N, C-alpha and C. Protein backbone atom coordinates (compact mmCIF):
# COMPACT_ATOMS: atom_id res chain seq x y z
N UNK A 1 -42.23 -72.34 49.36
CA UNK A 1 -43.65 -72.48 49.17
C UNK A 1 -44.16 -71.35 48.27
N UNK A 2 -43.67 -70.14 48.53
CA UNK A 2 -44.09 -68.98 47.73
C UNK A 2 -43.70 -69.16 46.26
N UNK A 3 -42.47 -69.59 46.02
CA UNK A 3 -42.02 -69.78 44.64
C UNK A 3 -42.76 -70.92 43.96
N UNK A 4 -43.02 -71.98 44.69
CA UNK A 4 -43.80 -73.08 44.11
C UNK A 4 -45.21 -72.62 43.75
N UNK A 5 -45.79 -71.81 44.60
CA UNK A 5 -47.14 -71.27 44.34
C UNK A 5 -47.14 -70.51 43.02
N UNK A 6 -46.18 -69.62 42.85
CA UNK A 6 -46.11 -68.83 41.62
C UNK A 6 -45.82 -69.66 40.39
N UNK A 7 -44.87 -70.58 40.52
CA UNK A 7 -44.52 -71.42 39.37
C UNK A 7 -45.68 -72.29 38.94
N UNK A 8 -46.37 -72.85 39.91
CA UNK A 8 -47.53 -73.70 39.58
C UNK A 8 -48.63 -72.86 38.93
N UNK A 9 -48.81 -71.64 39.40
CA UNK A 9 -49.80 -70.76 38.81
C UNK A 9 -49.47 -70.43 37.37
N UNK A 10 -48.20 -70.15 37.09
CA UNK A 10 -47.77 -69.84 35.73
C UNK A 10 -48.00 -71.04 34.81
N UNK A 11 -47.80 -72.23 35.33
CA UNK A 11 -47.96 -73.44 34.52
C UNK A 11 -49.42 -73.91 34.42
N UNK A 12 -50.32 -73.19 35.07
CA UNK A 12 -51.73 -73.56 35.00
C UNK A 12 -52.12 -74.68 35.96
N UNK A 13 -51.29 -74.93 36.93
CA UNK A 13 -51.57 -75.99 37.90
C UNK A 13 -52.28 -75.34 39.09
N UNK A 14 -53.56 -75.03 38.87
CA UNK A 14 -54.31 -74.25 39.85
C UNK A 14 -54.44 -74.94 41.21
N UNK A 15 -54.72 -76.22 41.21
CA UNK A 15 -54.90 -76.94 42.48
C UNK A 15 -53.60 -76.93 43.28
N UNK A 16 -52.50 -77.17 42.61
CA UNK A 16 -51.21 -77.20 43.28
C UNK A 16 -50.82 -75.81 43.76
N UNK A 17 -51.10 -74.80 42.97
CA UNK A 17 -50.85 -73.43 43.37
C UNK A 17 -51.68 -73.07 44.60
N UNK A 18 -52.92 -73.53 44.63
CA UNK A 18 -53.81 -73.27 45.76
C UNK A 18 -53.28 -73.93 47.04
N UNK A 19 -52.80 -75.15 46.93
CA UNK A 19 -52.22 -75.84 48.10
C UNK A 19 -51.04 -75.04 48.65
N UNK A 20 -50.18 -74.59 47.75
CA UNK A 20 -49.02 -73.81 48.19
C UNK A 20 -49.46 -72.48 48.80
N UNK A 21 -50.50 -71.87 48.26
CA UNK A 21 -51.01 -70.61 48.81
C UNK A 21 -51.51 -70.81 50.24
N UNK A 22 -52.20 -71.93 50.47
CA UNK A 22 -52.69 -72.19 51.83
C UNK A 22 -51.54 -72.45 52.79
N UNK A 23 -50.53 -73.19 52.34
CA UNK A 23 -49.37 -73.41 53.20
C UNK A 23 -48.68 -72.09 53.49
N UNK A 24 -48.58 -71.22 52.49
CA UNK A 24 -47.94 -69.92 52.69
C UNK A 24 -48.72 -69.09 53.71
N UNK A 25 -50.04 -69.11 53.65
CA UNK A 25 -50.84 -68.36 54.61
C UNK A 25 -50.57 -68.84 56.04
N UNK A 26 -50.50 -70.15 56.21
CA UNK A 26 -50.23 -70.70 57.54
C UNK A 26 -48.84 -70.28 58.01
N UNK A 27 -47.85 -70.40 57.14
CA UNK A 27 -46.48 -70.02 57.51
C UNK A 27 -46.39 -68.53 57.81
N UNK A 28 -47.05 -67.71 57.01
CA UNK A 28 -47.05 -66.26 57.25
C UNK A 28 -47.61 -65.95 58.63
N UNK A 29 -48.70 -66.60 58.98
CA UNK A 29 -49.30 -66.37 60.30
C UNK A 29 -48.35 -66.77 61.42
N UNK A 30 -47.66 -67.90 61.22
CA UNK A 30 -46.70 -68.34 62.24
C UNK A 30 -45.56 -67.34 62.37
N UNK A 31 -45.00 -66.93 61.24
CA UNK A 31 -43.86 -66.01 61.25
C UNK A 31 -44.23 -64.64 61.81
N UNK A 32 -45.48 -64.23 61.62
CA UNK A 32 -45.93 -62.93 62.09
C UNK A 32 -46.46 -62.99 63.52
N UNK A 33 -46.42 -64.16 64.13
CA UNK A 33 -46.86 -64.32 65.50
C UNK A 33 -48.36 -64.34 65.68
N UNK A 34 -49.10 -64.53 64.59
CA UNK A 34 -50.56 -64.56 64.66
C UNK A 34 -51.10 -65.97 64.91
N UNK A 35 -50.25 -66.94 64.82
CA UNK A 35 -50.66 -68.32 65.05
C UNK A 35 -49.60 -69.04 65.85
N UNK A 36 -49.95 -70.24 66.28
CA UNK A 36 -49.01 -71.05 67.05
C UNK A 36 -48.84 -72.40 66.36
N UNK A 37 -47.64 -72.92 66.49
CA UNK A 37 -47.35 -74.24 65.95
C UNK A 37 -48.18 -75.26 66.70
N UNK A 38 -48.77 -76.18 65.98
CA UNK A 38 -49.49 -77.28 66.62
C UNK A 38 -49.05 -78.59 65.98
N UNK A 39 -49.28 -79.67 66.66
CA UNK A 39 -48.87 -80.98 66.14
C UNK A 39 -49.66 -81.38 64.90
N UNK A 40 -50.77 -80.69 64.61
CA UNK A 40 -51.56 -80.99 63.41
C UNK A 40 -50.91 -80.43 62.14
N UNK A 41 -50.02 -79.47 62.28
CA UNK A 41 -49.43 -78.83 61.11
C UNK A 41 -48.48 -79.74 60.35
N UNK A 42 -47.64 -80.47 61.04
CA UNK A 42 -46.64 -81.29 60.36
C UNK A 42 -47.27 -82.33 59.44
N UNK A 43 -48.23 -83.15 59.89
CA UNK A 43 -48.82 -84.11 58.96
C UNK A 43 -49.55 -83.44 57.80
N UNK A 44 -50.16 -82.28 58.06
CA UNK A 44 -50.86 -81.57 56.98
C UNK A 44 -49.87 -81.07 55.94
N UNK A 45 -48.75 -80.53 56.40
CA UNK A 45 -47.73 -80.06 55.46
C UNK A 45 -47.09 -81.22 54.71
N UNK A 46 -46.86 -82.33 55.39
CA UNK A 46 -46.29 -83.49 54.71
C UNK A 46 -47.23 -83.99 53.62
N UNK A 47 -48.52 -84.06 53.92
CA UNK A 47 -49.49 -84.50 52.92
C UNK A 47 -49.54 -83.52 51.75
N UNK A 48 -49.49 -82.22 52.06
CA UNK A 48 -49.52 -81.21 50.99
C UNK A 48 -48.27 -81.32 50.11
N UNK A 49 -47.11 -81.46 50.73
CA UNK A 49 -45.88 -81.59 49.95
C UNK A 49 -45.88 -82.86 49.11
N UNK A 50 -46.43 -83.95 49.62
CA UNK A 50 -46.53 -85.18 48.83
C UNK A 50 -47.33 -84.95 47.56
N UNK A 51 -48.46 -84.27 47.71
CA UNK A 51 -49.32 -83.99 46.55
C UNK A 51 -48.60 -83.05 45.59
N UNK A 52 -47.98 -82.01 46.12
CA UNK A 52 -47.28 -81.04 45.27
C UNK A 52 -46.13 -81.71 44.52
N UNK A 53 -45.34 -82.51 45.23
CA UNK A 53 -44.21 -83.19 44.58
C UNK A 53 -44.68 -84.14 43.49
N UNK A 54 -45.76 -84.84 43.76
CA UNK A 54 -46.27 -85.76 42.74
C UNK A 54 -46.81 -85.00 41.54
N UNK A 55 -47.49 -83.90 41.79
CA UNK A 55 -48.04 -83.11 40.69
C UNK A 55 -46.94 -82.45 39.86
N UNK A 56 -45.96 -81.85 40.54
CA UNK A 56 -44.91 -81.12 39.86
C UNK A 56 -43.87 -82.07 39.27
N UNK A 57 -43.47 -83.06 40.04
CA UNK A 57 -42.42 -83.96 39.61
C UNK A 57 -42.88 -85.12 38.76
N UNK A 58 -44.18 -85.36 38.77
CA UNK A 58 -44.72 -86.45 37.97
C UNK A 58 -44.31 -87.83 38.46
N UNK A 59 -43.85 -87.90 39.72
CA UNK A 59 -43.47 -89.21 40.22
C UNK A 59 -44.72 -89.99 40.61
N UNK A 60 -44.65 -91.29 40.55
CA UNK A 60 -45.82 -92.10 40.90
C UNK A 60 -46.83 -92.14 39.77
N UNK A 61 -47.95 -92.69 40.05
CA UNK A 61 -48.97 -92.87 39.02
C UNK A 61 -49.97 -91.72 38.99
N UNK A 62 -49.98 -90.92 40.03
CA UNK A 62 -50.95 -89.84 40.09
C UNK A 62 -52.34 -90.34 40.46
N UNK A 63 -52.41 -91.57 40.94
CA UNK A 63 -53.70 -92.15 41.30
C UNK A 63 -54.39 -91.31 42.36
N UNK A 64 -55.63 -90.94 42.07
CA UNK A 64 -56.45 -90.16 43.00
C UNK A 64 -55.81 -88.84 43.40
N UNK A 65 -54.97 -88.27 42.55
CA UNK A 65 -54.25 -87.06 42.90
C UNK A 65 -55.21 -85.90 43.16
N UNK A 66 -56.22 -85.73 42.33
CA UNK A 66 -57.17 -84.63 42.53
C UNK A 66 -57.95 -84.80 43.83
N UNK A 67 -58.35 -86.02 44.11
CA UNK A 67 -59.09 -86.28 45.35
C UNK A 67 -58.21 -86.04 46.57
N UNK A 68 -56.95 -86.50 46.48
CA UNK A 68 -56.02 -86.29 47.59
C UNK A 68 -55.74 -84.81 47.78
N UNK A 69 -55.59 -84.09 46.67
CA UNK A 69 -55.35 -82.64 46.75
C UNK A 69 -56.54 -81.94 47.40
N UNK A 70 -57.74 -82.33 47.03
CA UNK A 70 -58.94 -81.72 47.62
C UNK A 70 -59.01 -82.00 49.12
N UNK A 71 -58.67 -83.22 49.51
CA UNK A 71 -58.69 -83.57 50.93
C UNK A 71 -57.66 -82.76 51.72
N UNK A 72 -56.47 -82.58 51.15
CA UNK A 72 -55.43 -81.81 51.81
C UNK A 72 -55.84 -80.34 51.88
N UNK A 73 -56.46 -79.83 50.82
CA UNK A 73 -56.93 -78.44 50.84
C UNK A 73 -57.94 -78.23 51.97
N UNK A 74 -58.82 -79.18 52.16
CA UNK A 74 -59.80 -79.08 53.24
C UNK A 74 -59.11 -79.10 54.60
N UNK A 75 -58.12 -79.95 54.73
CA UNK A 75 -57.36 -80.04 55.98
C UNK A 75 -56.63 -78.73 56.28
N UNK A 76 -56.01 -78.13 55.26
CA UNK A 76 -55.30 -76.87 55.45
C UNK A 76 -56.29 -75.74 55.74
N UNK A 77 -57.43 -75.74 55.06
CA UNK A 77 -58.44 -74.71 55.30
C UNK A 77 -58.94 -74.78 56.74
N UNK A 78 -59.11 -75.99 57.25
CA UNK A 78 -59.55 -76.14 58.64
C UNK A 78 -58.49 -75.59 59.60
N UNK A 79 -57.23 -75.80 59.28
CA UNK A 79 -56.15 -75.28 60.12
C UNK A 79 -56.08 -73.75 60.05
N UNK A 80 -56.44 -73.19 58.90
CA UNK A 80 -56.43 -71.74 58.76
C UNK A 80 -57.56 -71.08 59.56
N UNK A 81 -58.65 -71.79 59.70
CA UNK A 81 -59.78 -71.20 60.44
C UNK A 81 -59.69 -71.56 61.89
């Protein structure tokens, strides 16, 4: 996630970099014992990875990619708070 965040940032893929940054924050909190795993995390991470893979890999049509990315960002932000 950390490497994807940096690579996307270098390539100017700000939304994708932001998604990876939010996932990294959640993982850091878990690894540092500041948060607990919940059943809400897995679907949020799956949705984030779907958006990231589509953006980076160019698979699919990219239909509504920005809207989906924004929705996932909101979901991850809610999990962070």
